[in-house]
Amino acid sequence: MSIWVCGEVLIDILPTGPVVGGGPANTAKALARLGYEVDFIDGISTDAYGVSAKKELNRDGVGLGLSLTSDKPTCAATVTLDSKGSASYEFLINGTATFDFNSSWLPDPERLKPSVLHIGTLVTIIEPGASVLFDWAVKVGEFAPIVFDPNIRPSVMADRAKYAAAVEKWVSISSVVKVSDDDIAWLYPSESLDVVAHRWIEAGVSCVVITRGAKGLIGFTANGMEEVDGVKVDVVDTVGAGDTVGAIVVEGIIKHSVHGLQGQVLNALLHKAAIAAGITCSRAGAQPPRAHELVDAMEK
């Protein structure tokens, strides 16, 4: 059984030039670099950007057998970096292969039985594909835990109430939610991190992992909270850092099960995620660590 990662692979137009990006693609790449069997699920264009995306994912060992080959163009995102290296995005979405989801080609979970589904970012809000994916994910959830990363992009959906409703819908079918403090602050400006996390847990989520940039990570379960500090690094940019955390969360599920993510196990996972995210931040673009790099960093 493989890990399924569903979502967009696109081209980030950075100040230094175009690079392959997209939160879910970054997570798939991070998992493959850690040595896991990963199948990435998205529409991938035959245009030059799509060829570049396919080449990069293949190079890292990400399986593309469950993706759709399409003649539609690749989605591109213009990335702006602030003085701290934090990224904001402006997307060209309509009519692209990247968001061309249809039940006719999505993989059958009953036949293939994935070990985990990781899904999130824009594919969970861009219609009509988002509704198709939700119905499909409900079926996947009968066979595998779902890890949801909303990865909020207000530039794409500025309606806060509409965005929050979409997030809550996906939370309702998820076993684990990985989210940033900035995401929660934008979605729920009048609610604290712990209030939101506990509400989701009461609704059925087993674990909520909240990233807080340099301040570290917090993990919430029905049995308590675990918190770890961030790792000090020389930040080049933050592109892909949260996606790297998502990969570590999926790894934790593979090793310990969803219900095993609590107490010291959860604390150790958060610490590992902080180190992995720090490595990603020390590099330009989404370049998560390989397994041996992470081992070396954790031994220091």
Protein backbone atom coordinates (compact mmCIF):
# COMPACT_ATOMS: atom_id res chain seq x y z
CA MET A 1 0.00 0.00 0.00
CA SER A 2 1.21 3.49 -0.82
CA ILE A 3 0.66 6.92 0.64
CA TRP A 4 -1.64 9.04 -1.50
CA VAL A 5 -1.03 12.77 -1.74
CA CYS A 6 -3.72 14.66 -3.64
CA GLY A 7 -3.55 18.28 -4.66
CA GLU A 8 -1.85 20.72 -6.95
CA VAL A 9 1.54 20.67 -8.56
CA LEU A 10 2.14 24.04 -10.16
CA ILE A 11 4.88 26.46 -11.07
CA ASP A 12 5.95 29.07 -8.54
CA ILE A 13 7.26 32.16 -10.31
CA LEU A 14 9.84 33.29 -7.76
CA PRO A 15 11.86 36.50 -7.99
CA THR A 16 14.75 34.28 -9.09
CA GLY A 17 12.72 32.43 -11.74
CA PRO A 18 10.20 29.57 -12.12
CA VAL A 19 10.36 26.50 -9.87
CA VAL A 20 8.10 23.51 -9.36
CA GLY A 21 5.78 24.07 -6.39
CA GLY A 22 2.35 23.53 -4.92
CA GLY A 23 1.84 22.53 -1.28
CA PRO A 24 0.69 18.95 -1.93
CA ALA A 25 3.47 18.35 -4.46
CA ASN A 26 5.96 19.59 -1.89
CA THR A 27 4.55 17.15 0.68
CA ALA A 28 4.75 14.27 -1.80
CA LYS A 29 8.35 15.18 -2.56
CA ALA A 30 9.20 15.38 1.14
CA LEU A 31 7.73 11.92 1.79
CA ALA A 32 9.55 10.40 -1.17
CA ARG A 33 12.83 11.93 0.01
CA LEU A 34 12.23 10.28 3.38
CA GLY A 35 12.03 6.93 1.60
CA TYR A 36 8.27 6.31 1.44
CA GLU A 37 6.22 4.96 -1.46
CA VAL A 38 4.10 7.92 -2.53
CA ASP A 39 1.53 8.27 -5.31
CA PHE A 40 0.71 11.84 -6.30
CA ILE A 41 -2.78 12.57 -7.61
CA ASP A 42 -3.34 15.61 -9.83
CA GLY A 43 -3.71 16.66 -13.44
CA ILE A 44 -0.26 17.21 -14.97
CA SER A 45 0.03 19.16 -18.21
CA THR A 46 2.03 18.20 -21.28
CA ASP A 47 3.22 21.83 -21.57
CA ALA A 48 6.76 22.87 -20.69
CA TYR A 49 5.87 23.62 -17.07
CA GLY A 50 4.13 20.26 -16.74
CA VAL A 51 7.12 18.47 -18.18
CA SER A 52 9.35 20.23 -15.63
CA ALA A 53 6.99 19.28 -12.80
CA LYS A 54 6.86 15.65 -13.89
CA LYS A 55 10.63 15.49 -14.23
CA GLU A 56 11.22 16.90 -10.74
CA LEU A 57 8.67 14.63 -9.07
CA ASN A 58 10.08 11.62 -10.88
CA ARG A 59 13.60 12.57 -9.83
CA ASP A 60 12.59 12.46 -6.18
CA GLY A 61 10.82 9.14 -6.61
CA VAL A 62 7.20 10.34 -6.44
CA GLY A 63 4.84 7.95 -8.23
CA LEU A 64 2.73 9.56 -10.95
CA GLY A 65 0.80 6.51 -12.14
CA LEU A 66 -2.41 7.80 -10.52
CA SER A 67 -2.18 11.30 -12.02
CA LEU A 68 -3.93 12.52 -15.18
CA THR A 69 -1.93 13.56 -18.24
CA SER A 70 -3.61 16.61 -19.76
CA ASP A 71 -3.19 19.01 -22.68
CA LYS A 72 -4.55 21.86 -20.55
CA PRO A 73 -1.97 24.36 -19.23
CA THR A 74 -0.21 24.23 -15.86
CA CYS A 75 -1.33 26.58 -13.09
CA ALA A 76 1.29 29.22 -12.27
CA ALA A 77 1.67 31.18 -9.04
CA THR A 78 3.57 34.45 -8.81
CA VAL A 79 5.39 34.41 -5.46
CA THR A 80 6.35 37.52 -3.51
CA LEU A 81 8.74 37.23 -0.56
CA ASP A 82 8.76 39.71 2.31
CA SER A 83 11.80 40.81 4.32
CA LYS A 84 11.57 37.68 6.51
CA GLY A 85 11.33 35.28 3.58
CA SER A 86 7.60 34.62 4.05
CA ALA A 87 5.77 34.02 0.79
CA SER A 88 2.50 35.34 -0.66
CA TYR A 89 0.97 34.00 -3.87
CA GLU A 90 -1.07 35.18 -6.86
CA PHE A 91 -2.50 32.31 -8.94
CA LEU A 92 -3.64 31.77 -12.54
CA ILE A 93 -6.11 28.91 -12.09
CA ASN A 94 -8.97 28.81 -14.58
CA GLY A 95 -8.86 26.16 -17.29
CA THR A 96 -5.68 24.50 -16.06
CA ALA A 97 -4.80 20.81 -15.87
CA THR A 98 -3.90 21.38 -12.23
CA PHE A 99 -7.55 21.61 -11.10
CA ASP A 100 -9.13 19.24 -13.63
CA PHE A 101 -10.50 16.60 -11.22
CA ASN A 102 -13.15 14.14 -12.33
CA SER A 103 -14.52 10.92 -10.87
CA SER A 104 -13.78 9.17 -14.18
CA TRP A 105 -10.03 9.11 -13.51
CA LEU A 106 -9.58 9.37 -9.75
CA PRO A 107 -8.17 6.12 -8.29
CA ASP A 108 -10.41 3.52 -6.64
CA PRO A 109 -9.59 3.31 -2.91
CA GLU A 110 -11.43 0.02 -2.45
CA ARG A 111 -9.25 -1.65 -5.05
CA LEU A 112 -5.93 0.03 -4.24
CA LYS A 113 -6.33 0.54 -0.47
CA PRO A 114 -3.93 3.41 0.31
CA SER A 115 -2.31 3.61 3.73
CA VAL A 116 -2.97 7.37 4.16
CA LEU A 117 -4.51 10.19 2.11
CA HIS A 118 -2.95 13.64 2.46
CA ILE A 119 -5.00 16.37 0.78
CA GLY A 120 -5.27 20.12 0.93
CA THR A 121 -4.44 23.61 -0.29
CA LEU A 122 -6.33 24.96 -3.30
CA VAL A 123 -7.84 21.74 -4.66
CA THR A 124 -10.16 21.65 -1.64
CA ILE A 125 -11.74 25.03 -2.51
CA ILE A 126 -11.54 25.41 -6.32
CA GLU A 127 -14.81 24.27 -7.91
CA PRO A 128 -16.05 22.15 -9.54
CA GLY A 129 -13.10 19.91 -8.69
CA ALA A 130 -13.34 20.47 -4.92
CA SER A 131 -16.79 18.89 -4.71
CA VAL A 132 -15.65 15.95 -6.83
CA LEU A 133 -12.66 15.47 -4.55
CA PHE A 134 -14.74 15.69 -1.39
CA ASP A 135 -17.08 12.91 -2.51
CA TRP A 136 -14.05 10.83 -3.52
CA ALA A 137 -12.24 11.52 -0.24
CA VAL A 138 -15.28 10.32 1.73
CA LYS A 139 -14.85 6.97 -0.03
CA VAL A 140 -11.09 6.98 0.59
CA GLY A 141 -11.81 7.60 4.27
CA GLU A 142 -13.48 4.19 4.49
CA PHE A 143 -10.06 2.60 3.91
CA ALA A 144 -7.44 5.11 5.09
CA PRO A 145 -7.03 8.03 7.50
CA ILE A 146 -7.21 11.49 5.95
CA VAL A 147 -4.70 14.23 6.73
CA PHE A 148 -6.04 17.65 5.76
CA ASP A 149 -3.90 20.77 5.30
CA PRO A 150 -6.07 23.79 4.44
CA ASN A 151 -3.02 25.96 3.60
CA ILE A 152 -5.16 29.09 3.35
CA ARG A 153 -4.80 31.32 0.27
CA PRO A 154 -6.95 34.46 0.79
CA SER A 155 -5.82 35.81 -2.60
CA VAL A 156 -7.86 33.03 -4.21
CA MET A 157 -10.92 33.11 -1.92
CA ALA A 158 -11.27 36.40 -0.05
CA ASP A 159 -14.69 35.54 1.41
CA ARG A 160 -13.74 34.51 4.95
CA ALA A 161 -17.07 32.88 5.81
CA LYS A 162 -17.13 30.87 2.59
CA TYR A 163 -13.53 29.76 3.11
CA ALA A 164 -14.18 28.75 6.73
CA ALA A 165 -17.23 26.73 5.67
CA ALA A 166 -15.12 24.84 3.12
CA VAL A 167 -12.44 24.15 5.73
CA GLU A 168 -14.98 22.91 8.28
CA LYS A 169 -16.45 20.59 5.65
CA TRP A 170 -13.06 18.96 5.07
CA VAL A 171 -12.25 18.87 8.78
CA SER A 172 -15.44 16.84 9.29
CA ILE A 173 -13.99 13.86 7.36
CA SER A 174 -10.37 14.17 8.52
CA SER A 175 -8.44 12.15 11.09
CA VAL A 176 -5.63 14.69 11.40
CA VAL A 177 -5.51 18.40 10.54
CA LYS A 178 -2.22 20.21 10.00
CA VAL A 179 -2.69 23.97 9.96
CA SER A 180 -0.68 27.15 10.60
CA ASP A 181 -1.37 29.78 13.22
CA ASP A 182 -1.69 32.32 10.39
CA ASP A 183 -4.36 30.13 8.75
CA ILE A 184 -6.39 30.00 11.96
CA ALA A 185 -5.93 33.73 12.62
CA TRP A 186 -7.29 34.56 9.17
CA LEU A 187 -10.16 32.06 9.25
CA TYR A 188 -11.23 32.71 12.85
CA PRO A 189 -9.92 36.12 13.94
CA SER A 190 -11.92 36.08 17.20
CA GLU A 191 -10.86 32.58 18.31
CA SER A 192 -7.63 31.33 19.90
CA LEU A 193 -5.61 28.40 18.58
CA ASP A 194 -6.66 26.08 21.38
CA VAL A 195 -10.36 26.92 21.02
CA VAL A 196 -10.30 26.04 17.32
CA ALA A 197 -8.24 22.90 17.87
CA HIS A 198 -10.51 21.64 20.65
CA ARG A 199 -13.61 22.34 18.59
CA TRP A 200 -12.23 20.22 15.76
CA ILE A 201 -11.28 17.44 18.17
CA GLU A 202 -14.77 17.45 19.64
CA ALA A 203 -16.06 17.10 16.07
CA GLY A 204 -14.05 13.93 15.57
CA VAL A 205 -10.50 14.89 14.55
CA SER A 206 -7.93 12.81 16.44
CA CYS A 207 -5.00 15.22 16.26
CA VAL A 208 -4.52 18.87 15.29
CA VAL A 209 -0.96 20.01 14.54
CA ILE A 210 -0.45 23.78 14.44
CA THR A 211 2.70 25.30 12.97
CA ARG A 212 3.82 28.68 14.33
CA GLY A 213 6.86 29.50 12.23
CA ALA A 214 9.94 30.25 14.32
CA LYS A 215 7.87 29.80 17.50
CA GLY A 216 7.57 26.05 16.89
CA LEU A 217 4.63 23.65 16.84
CA ILE A 218 1.72 22.60 19.02
CA GLY A 219 -0.13 19.30 18.83
CA PHE A 220 -3.59 18.87 20.32
CA THR A 221 -5.42 15.60 21.05
CA ALA A 222 -8.34 14.67 23.27
CA ASN A 223 -5.77 13.65 25.90
CA GLY A 224 -3.80 16.88 26.05
CA MET A 225 -1.36 19.19 24.31
CA GLU A 226 2.30 18.91 23.29
CA GLU A 227 4.45 21.88 22.37
CA VAL A 228 7.97 22.22 20.92
CA ASP A 229 10.14 25.20 20.09
CA GLY A 230 11.23 26.12 16.61
CA VAL A 231 14.76 25.40 15.41
CA LYS A 232 17.02 28.38 14.82
CA VAL A 233 18.30 28.53 11.23
CA ASP A 234 19.39 31.15 8.75
CA VAL A 235 16.14 31.51 6.80
CA VAL A 236 16.42 31.80 3.02
CA ASP A 237 12.66 31.52 2.56
CA THR A 238 9.77 29.63 4.13
CA VAL A 239 8.47 28.03 0.92
CA GLY A 240 7.56 24.39 1.60
CA ALA A 241 8.23 24.45 5.35
CA GLY A 242 4.66 23.69 6.35
CA ASP A 243 4.41 21.07 3.61
CA THR A 244 7.47 19.37 5.08
CA VAL A 245 5.72 19.28 8.46
CA GLY A 246 2.78 17.59 6.74
CA ALA A 247 5.10 14.86 5.49
CA ILE A 248 6.43 14.24 9.00
CA VAL A 249 2.86 14.00 10.30
CA VAL A 250 2.04 11.38 7.65
CA GLU A 251 5.21 9.49 8.56
CA GLY A 252 4.05 9.51 12.18
CA ILE A 253 0.75 7.93 11.20
CA ILE A 254 2.55 5.24 9.20
CA LYS A 255 4.79 4.42 12.16
CA HIS A 256 2.43 4.87 15.11
CA SER A 257 -1.17 5.00 13.73
CA VAL A 258 -3.46 8.01 14.08
CA HIS A 259 -4.38 7.17 17.68
CA GLY A 260 -0.72 6.69 18.56
CA LEU A 261 -0.02 10.38 17.97
CA GLN A 262 -0.19 11.60 21.54
CA GLY A 263 2.03 12.16 24.56
CA GLN A 264 5.74 11.56 24.05
CA VAL A 265 5.21 10.09 20.58
CA LEU A 266 3.51 13.30 19.46
CA ASN A 267 6.15 15.43 21.16
CA ALA A 268 8.94 13.58 19.34
CA LEU A 269 7.08 13.93 16.04
CA LEU A 270 6.71 17.69 16.53
CA HIS A 271 10.41 18.00 17.35
CA LYS A 272 11.33 16.08 14.21
CA ALA A 273 8.96 18.24 12.18
CA ALA A 274 10.56 21.41 13.55
CA ILE A 275 14.01 20.21 12.51
CA ALA A 276 12.80 19.14 9.06
CA ALA A 277 11.01 22.45 8.49
CA GLY A 278 14.13 24.32 9.58
CA ILE A 279 16.20 22.51 6.97
CA THR A 280 13.64 23.43 4.31
CA CYS A 281 13.72 27.09 5.40
CA SER A 282 17.50 27.15 5.09
CA ARG A 283 17.21 26.47 1.34
CA ALA A 284 15.74 28.42 -1.57
CA GLY A 285 12.36 27.06 -2.64
CA ALA A 286 10.72 23.85 -1.47
CA GLN A 287 13.69 21.56 -0.92
CA PRO A 288 12.83 19.28 2.02
CA PRO A 289 15.49 17.10 3.63
CA ARG A 290 16.35 13.59 2.63
CA ALA A 291 16.22 10.87 5.28
CA HIS A 292 19.96 10.90 5.99
CA GLU A 293 20.05 14.69 6.27
CA LEU A 294 17.26 14.63 8.80
CA VAL A 295 18.93 11.88 10.80
CA ASP A 296 22.19 13.85 10.85
CA ALA A 297 20.42 17.03 11.96
CA MET A 298 18.58 15.25 14.74
CA GLU A 299 21.81 13.77 16.09
CA LYS A 300 23.45 17.17 16.44
